[in-house]
Amino acid sequence: MLTCLNGTFLSHKDVISINNGSFLFGDTLFETIKAQGQKILLLPQHLDRLEQSAQQLDFPCDRQKIETSLQQMSTALKSPASRIRLTLSRGDFTGLAWPPPEQSQFIITATEYSEFTADERRAGAECIVAPNQRINPVSHLPQMKRGNYADCLYAANYALQSGAREALFIDQQQNILEGNTCNLFAIIDDRLVTPPTGTLVLNGIMRQQVIDAAAELGILVVQRELQLIELMQAEEIFLTNSLIDILPIYSIDGQTVNRGDCWKSLLKTLWMRIET
């Protein structure tokens, strides 16, 4: 593992104080980014989202220093693919008041990531409906990637213990929101349908890339509420995030769903967009 704290590379064992707000309160912002070789993918989009979230939460964020550190780290990457985690922390708390901005920290780690094989991607993912509700600790603001991640953590482990890859959140009206780590799309009547972003649905970086790829292919994209029962009857369903790109779903709660091929065209277009 490679670890960078405020631009200095060091052992990951020496990073976090027990008084750090990330440990005490889960008070962080983060991004998960993929690198292929020494190329960090979609970095401007990730940093744009991080910076916007930081502004909304009055979170210190030195974008220039972060970007420089990421580029320095990229030159040390040795794996064909890597998972980069960028975390912002306000620093050490002495009470409940935010510490001074100059105490803030950013932490970057990089670990090897195993890409899906073609067979694994074709096989698709088994999903399960999460037993808990999606929450937003700052519900007056859009959904963000915050360290207060208990709802997703619980749902993710429920899925793993059930033999599934992803847990899908639904609201009290039985509308699908998103997965514990992914956005969700469905092909319905030859249209690409996805739940709208808001206080409970994250505006995923790969989500937007898929929407843009669909526009290039002439596929109409509809952002609207999507009922679970409607999802089960869709022509195909797939998950997206910055690590998996696109992964089709083959079952939900043990019930096999329809499998189409639109995701293949979208994935091909997506990879061409990212490479350029």
Protein backbone atom coordinates (compact mmCIF):
# COMPACT_ATOMS: atom_id res chain seq x y z
CA MET A 1 0.00 0.00 0.00
CA LEU A 2 1.15 3.53 -0.79
CA THR A 3 0.13 6.22 1.72
CA CYS A 4 0.39 10.01 1.43
CA LEU A 5 -0.46 12.43 4.28
CA ASN A 6 -0.62 16.11 3.31
CA GLY A 7 1.86 15.52 0.49
CA THR A 8 4.32 13.41 2.51
CA PHE A 9 4.66 9.68 1.79
CA LEU A 10 4.92 7.52 4.89
CA SER A 11 3.93 4.27 6.55
CA HIS A 12 0.15 3.89 6.79
CA LYS A 13 0.59 2.95 10.49
CA ASP A 14 1.55 6.53 11.36
CA VAL A 15 -1.34 8.46 9.84
CA ILE A 16 -4.35 8.98 12.14
CA SER A 17 -4.51 10.37 15.70
CA ILE A 18 -7.13 8.97 18.08
CA ASN A 19 -8.49 12.55 18.38
CA ASN A 20 -8.97 12.92 14.65
CA GLY A 21 -12.53 13.75 13.63
CA SER A 22 -12.50 10.94 11.09
CA PHE A 23 -12.07 8.45 13.95
CA LEU A 24 -14.30 10.19 16.47
CA PHE A 25 -17.23 11.22 14.26
CA GLY A 26 -16.73 9.80 10.77
CA ASP A 27 -16.37 13.45 9.73
CA THR A 28 -14.65 13.06 6.37
CA LEU A 29 -15.18 13.49 2.67
CA PHE A 30 -13.70 10.94 0.30
CA GLU A 31 -13.33 9.82 -3.28
CA THR A 32 -12.55 6.35 -4.63
CA ILE A 33 -10.65 6.58 -7.90
CA LYS A 34 -9.31 3.98 -10.30
CA ALA A 35 -5.91 4.06 -11.94
CA GLN A 36 -4.89 1.94 -14.90
CA GLY A 37 -1.15 1.58 -14.79
CA GLN A 38 0.07 5.04 -13.86
CA LYS A 39 -2.93 6.84 -15.34
CA ILE A 40 -5.52 8.10 -12.83
CA LEU A 41 -8.94 7.94 -14.49
CA LEU A 42 -11.47 10.79 -14.43
CA LEU A 43 -9.43 12.74 -11.91
CA PRO A 44 -10.86 16.23 -12.73
CA GLN A 45 -14.42 14.93 -12.25
CA HIS A 46 -13.56 13.37 -8.89
CA LEU A 47 -11.81 16.50 -7.65
CA ASP A 48 -14.66 18.72 -8.87
CA ARG A 49 -17.15 16.71 -6.81
CA LEU A 50 -14.87 16.66 -3.78
CA GLU A 51 -14.31 20.42 -3.98
CA GLN A 52 -18.04 21.14 -4.33
CA SER A 53 -18.85 18.95 -1.33
CA ALA A 54 -16.10 20.62 0.70
CA GLN A 55 -17.52 24.05 -0.07
CA GLN A 56 -21.00 22.99 1.03
CA LEU A 57 -19.72 21.58 4.34
CA ASP A 58 -17.09 24.28 5.01
CA PHE A 59 -14.40 21.61 4.71
CA PRO A 60 -10.79 22.68 4.05
CA CYS A 61 -9.69 21.41 0.65
CA ASP A 62 -6.37 22.37 -0.97
CA ARG A 63 -7.09 21.07 -4.45
CA GLN A 64 -3.76 22.06 -5.96
CA LYS A 65 -1.76 20.29 -3.26
CA ILE A 66 -4.00 17.22 -3.47
CA GLU A 67 -3.66 17.04 -7.23
CA THR A 68 0.12 17.36 -7.02
CA SER A 69 0.29 14.53 -4.47
CA LEU A 70 -1.93 12.30 -6.60
CA GLN A 71 0.27 12.84 -9.62
CA GLN A 72 3.36 12.06 -7.54
CA MET A 73 1.73 8.88 -6.25
CA SER A 74 0.72 7.80 -9.74
CA THR A 75 4.38 7.55 -10.79
CA ALA A 76 4.93 4.91 -8.07
CA LEU A 77 2.00 2.68 -9.06
CA LYS A 78 3.15 -0.76 -10.19
CA SER A 79 -0.09 -2.73 -10.65
CA PRO A 80 -2.12 -2.97 -13.87
CA ALA A 81 -5.01 -1.38 -11.94
CA SER A 82 -5.11 0.39 -8.58
CA ARG A 83 -7.79 1.57 -6.16
CA ILE A 84 -6.99 5.06 -4.88
CA ARG A 85 -8.78 6.38 -1.82
CA LEU A 86 -8.58 10.14 -1.17
CA THR A 87 -9.89 11.27 2.23
CA LEU A 88 -10.28 14.76 3.68
CA SER A 89 -10.20 15.22 7.46
CA ARG A 90 -10.57 18.39 9.51
CA GLY A 91 -7.88 17.12 11.89
CA ASP A 92 -7.93 16.65 15.66
CA PHE A 93 -10.94 17.72 17.75
CA THR A 94 -10.70 18.88 21.37
CA GLY A 95 -14.50 19.12 21.71
CA LEU A 96 -17.31 19.37 19.20
CA ALA A 97 -16.20 22.61 17.55
CA TRP A 98 -14.39 22.29 14.23
CA PRO A 99 -10.62 22.63 14.58
CA PRO A 100 -8.81 25.48 12.78
CA PRO A 101 -8.54 24.96 8.99
CA GLU A 102 -4.74 24.74 9.18
CA GLN A 103 -5.07 21.47 11.12
CA SER A 104 -6.91 19.79 8.25
CA GLN A 105 -5.41 16.76 6.53
CA PHE A 106 -5.78 14.82 3.33
CA ILE A 107 -4.82 11.17 3.14
CA ILE A 108 -4.28 9.21 -0.08
CA THR A 109 -3.82 5.47 -0.23
CA ALA A 110 -3.31 3.23 -3.24
CA THR A 111 -3.79 -0.54 -3.31
CA GLU A 112 -3.84 -3.09 -6.11
CA TYR A 113 -7.25 -3.59 -7.74
CA SER A 114 -8.34 -6.67 -9.70
CA GLU A 115 -10.40 -5.80 -12.77
CA PHE A 116 -13.31 -8.04 -13.78
CA THR A 117 -12.52 -10.64 -16.39
CA ALA A 118 -14.75 -10.74 -19.48
CA ASP A 119 -16.41 -13.90 -18.13
CA GLU A 120 -17.05 -12.35 -14.72
CA ARG A 121 -18.57 -9.28 -16.29
CA ARG A 122 -20.83 -11.38 -18.55
CA ALA A 123 -21.92 -13.50 -15.58
CA GLY A 124 -23.11 -10.37 -13.80
CA ALA A 125 -23.95 -9.63 -10.19
CA GLU A 126 -26.40 -11.08 -7.74
CA CYS A 127 -28.11 -8.33 -5.74
CA ILE A 128 -30.31 -8.28 -2.68
CA VAL A 129 -32.62 -5.64 -1.24
CA ALA A 130 -30.97 -3.95 1.75
CA PRO A 131 -32.68 -4.52 5.10
CA ASN A 132 -31.98 -0.96 6.24
CA GLN A 133 -32.80 2.50 4.93
CA ARG A 134 -30.48 4.88 3.09
CA ILE A 135 -29.74 7.91 5.27
CA ASN A 136 -28.23 11.33 4.74
CA PRO A 137 -26.74 13.00 7.84
CA VAL A 138 -26.98 16.40 6.11
CA SER A 139 -30.38 15.85 4.52
CA HIS A 140 -30.78 19.51 3.53
CA LEU A 141 -27.87 19.03 1.11
CA PRO A 142 -27.33 16.64 -1.82
CA GLN A 143 -25.95 13.18 -1.15
CA MET A 144 -22.16 13.25 -0.78
CA LYS A 145 -19.37 10.76 -0.25
CA ARG A 146 -18.95 11.21 3.51
CA GLY A 147 -17.14 9.04 6.02
CA ASN A 148 -20.34 8.59 8.03
CA TYR A 149 -20.94 5.39 6.08
CA ALA A 150 -22.73 3.11 8.54
CA ASP A 151 -25.81 2.54 6.36
CA CYS A 152 -23.75 1.42 3.36
CA LEU A 153 -21.36 -0.61 5.51
CA TYR A 154 -24.22 -2.53 7.13
CA ALA A 155 -25.96 -3.14 3.79
CA ALA A 156 -22.71 -4.23 2.11
CA ASN A 157 -21.99 -6.83 4.76
CA TYR A 158 -25.58 -8.04 4.70
CA ALA A 159 -25.15 -8.63 0.97
CA LEU A 160 -21.83 -10.45 1.42
CA GLN A 161 -23.24 -12.67 4.16
CA SER A 162 -26.15 -13.50 1.85
CA GLY A 163 -23.84 -14.45 -1.02
CA ALA A 164 -24.70 -11.33 -3.04
CA ARG A 165 -22.45 -8.64 -4.44
CA GLU A 166 -24.54 -5.53 -3.84
CA ALA A 167 -27.41 -4.48 -1.58
CA LEU A 168 -30.00 -2.19 -3.17
CA PHE A 169 -31.61 0.55 -1.11
CA ILE A 170 -35.33 1.21 -1.50
CA ASP A 171 -37.41 3.93 0.12
CA GLN A 172 -40.72 3.56 1.93
CA GLN A 173 -42.61 3.91 -1.36
CA GLN A 174 -40.68 0.93 -2.81
CA ASN A 175 -38.63 3.14 -5.13
CA ILE A 176 -35.14 1.92 -5.91
CA LEU A 177 -32.46 4.45 -4.90
CA GLU A 178 -28.99 3.00 -5.44
CA GLY A 179 -26.71 0.20 -4.29
CA ASN A 180 -24.48 0.30 -1.24
CA THR A 181 -21.54 1.29 -3.51
CA CYS A 182 -23.15 1.74 -6.94
CA ASN A 183 -25.64 3.68 -8.99
CA LEU A 184 -28.26 1.68 -10.86
CA PHE A 185 -29.63 1.79 -14.41
CA ALA A 186 -32.36 -0.14 -16.20
CA ILE A 187 -33.40 -0.45 -19.84
CA ILE A 188 -37.18 -0.02 -20.01
CA ASP A 189 -39.00 0.38 -23.34
CA ASP A 190 -35.62 0.96 -25.04
CA ARG A 191 -34.89 3.87 -22.71
CA LEU A 192 -32.12 4.11 -20.14
CA VAL A 193 -33.82 4.80 -16.80
CA THR A 194 -32.03 5.76 -13.60
CA PRO A 195 -33.22 7.19 -10.25
CA PRO A 196 -32.71 10.96 -9.99
CA THR A 197 -29.94 12.31 -7.77
CA GLY A 198 -30.87 14.18 -4.63
CA THR A 199 -30.55 13.84 -0.89
CA LEU A 200 -30.38 10.02 -1.02
CA VAL A 201 -28.91 9.23 -4.46
CA LEU A 202 -25.28 10.10 -5.18
CA ASN A 203 -24.37 11.80 -8.43
CA GLY A 204 -21.80 9.15 -9.26
CA ILE A 205 -18.86 9.99 -11.52
CA MET A 206 -19.41 6.85 -13.59
CA ARG A 207 -23.16 7.47 -13.55
CA GLN A 208 -22.63 10.70 -15.47
CA GLN A 209 -20.17 9.04 -17.84
CA VAL A 210 -22.79 6.38 -18.66
CA ILE A 211 -25.43 9.06 -19.29
CA ASP A 212 -23.02 10.85 -21.65
CA ALA A 213 -22.16 7.58 -23.40
CA ALA A 214 -25.86 6.85 -23.89
CA ALA A 215 -26.31 10.25 -25.51
CA GLU A 216 -23.50 9.44 -27.96
CA LEU A 217 -25.27 6.19 -28.86
CA GLY A 218 -28.63 7.92 -29.34
CA ILE A 219 -30.21 6.21 -26.32
CA LEU A 220 -32.80 8.32 -24.53
CA VAL A 221 -31.99 8.74 -20.84
CA VAL A 222 -34.82 9.22 -18.33
CA GLN A 223 -34.13 10.19 -14.73
CA ARG A 224 -37.20 9.34 -12.68
CA GLU A 225 -38.44 7.31 -9.74
CA LEU A 226 -38.15 3.60 -10.41
CA GLN A 227 -40.32 1.12 -8.52
CA LEU A 228 -38.83 -2.20 -7.44
CA ILE A 229 -41.61 -4.14 -9.19
CA GLU A 230 -40.90 -2.21 -12.39
CA LEU A 231 -37.20 -2.93 -12.08
CA MET A 232 -37.87 -6.67 -11.93
CA GLN A 233 -39.60 -6.47 -15.32
CA ALA A 234 -36.95 -4.33 -17.03
CA GLU A 235 -35.21 -5.47 -20.21
CA GLU A 236 -31.87 -5.35 -18.40
CA ILE A 237 -30.35 -3.83 -15.26
CA PHE A 238 -26.78 -2.87 -14.42
CA LEU A 239 -24.65 -1.24 -11.74
CA THR A 240 -22.04 1.48 -12.18
CA ASN A 241 -19.23 3.01 -10.16
CA SER A 242 -15.70 4.25 -10.75
CA LEU A 243 -14.07 0.88 -10.09
CA ILE A 244 -16.41 -1.61 -11.78
CA ASP A 245 -17.41 0.71 -14.67
CA ILE A 246 -20.54 -1.26 -15.69
CA LEU A 247 -21.65 -4.60 -14.26
CA PRO A 248 -24.92 -6.24 -15.33
CA ILE A 249 -27.28 -7.69 -12.72
CA TYR A 250 -28.48 -11.26 -13.15
CA SER A 251 -30.72 -11.62 -10.07
CA ILE A 252 -32.36 -9.67 -7.23
CA ASP A 253 -33.37 -11.47 -4.04
CA GLY A 254 -32.84 -14.77 -5.82
CA GLN A 255 -35.14 -13.91 -8.72
CA THR A 256 -33.48 -13.95 -12.15
CA VAL A 257 -33.93 -10.74 -14.13
CA ASN A 258 -33.88 -10.14 -17.89
CA ARG A 259 -30.48 -9.91 -19.53
CA GLY A 260 -29.95 -7.60 -22.49
CA ASP A 261 -26.88 -6.42 -24.37
CA CYS A 262 -27.17 -2.62 -24.20
CA TRP A 263 -24.63 -2.53 -21.37
CA LYS A 264 -21.99 -3.92 -23.74
CA SER A 265 -22.35 -1.01 -26.18
CA LEU A 266 -22.35 1.46 -23.32
CA LEU A 267 -19.24 -0.10 -21.79
CA LYS A 268 -17.37 0.00 -25.10
CA THR A 269 -18.30 3.66 -25.63
CA LEU A 270 -17.45 4.41 -22.00
CA TRP A 271 -13.96 2.97 -22.30
CA MET A 272 -13.34 4.93 -25.48
CA ARG A 273 -14.39 8.13 -23.71
CA ILE A 274 -12.14 7.47 -20.72
CA GLU A 275 -9.11 6.56 -22.84
CA THR A 276 -9.35 9.87 -24.68
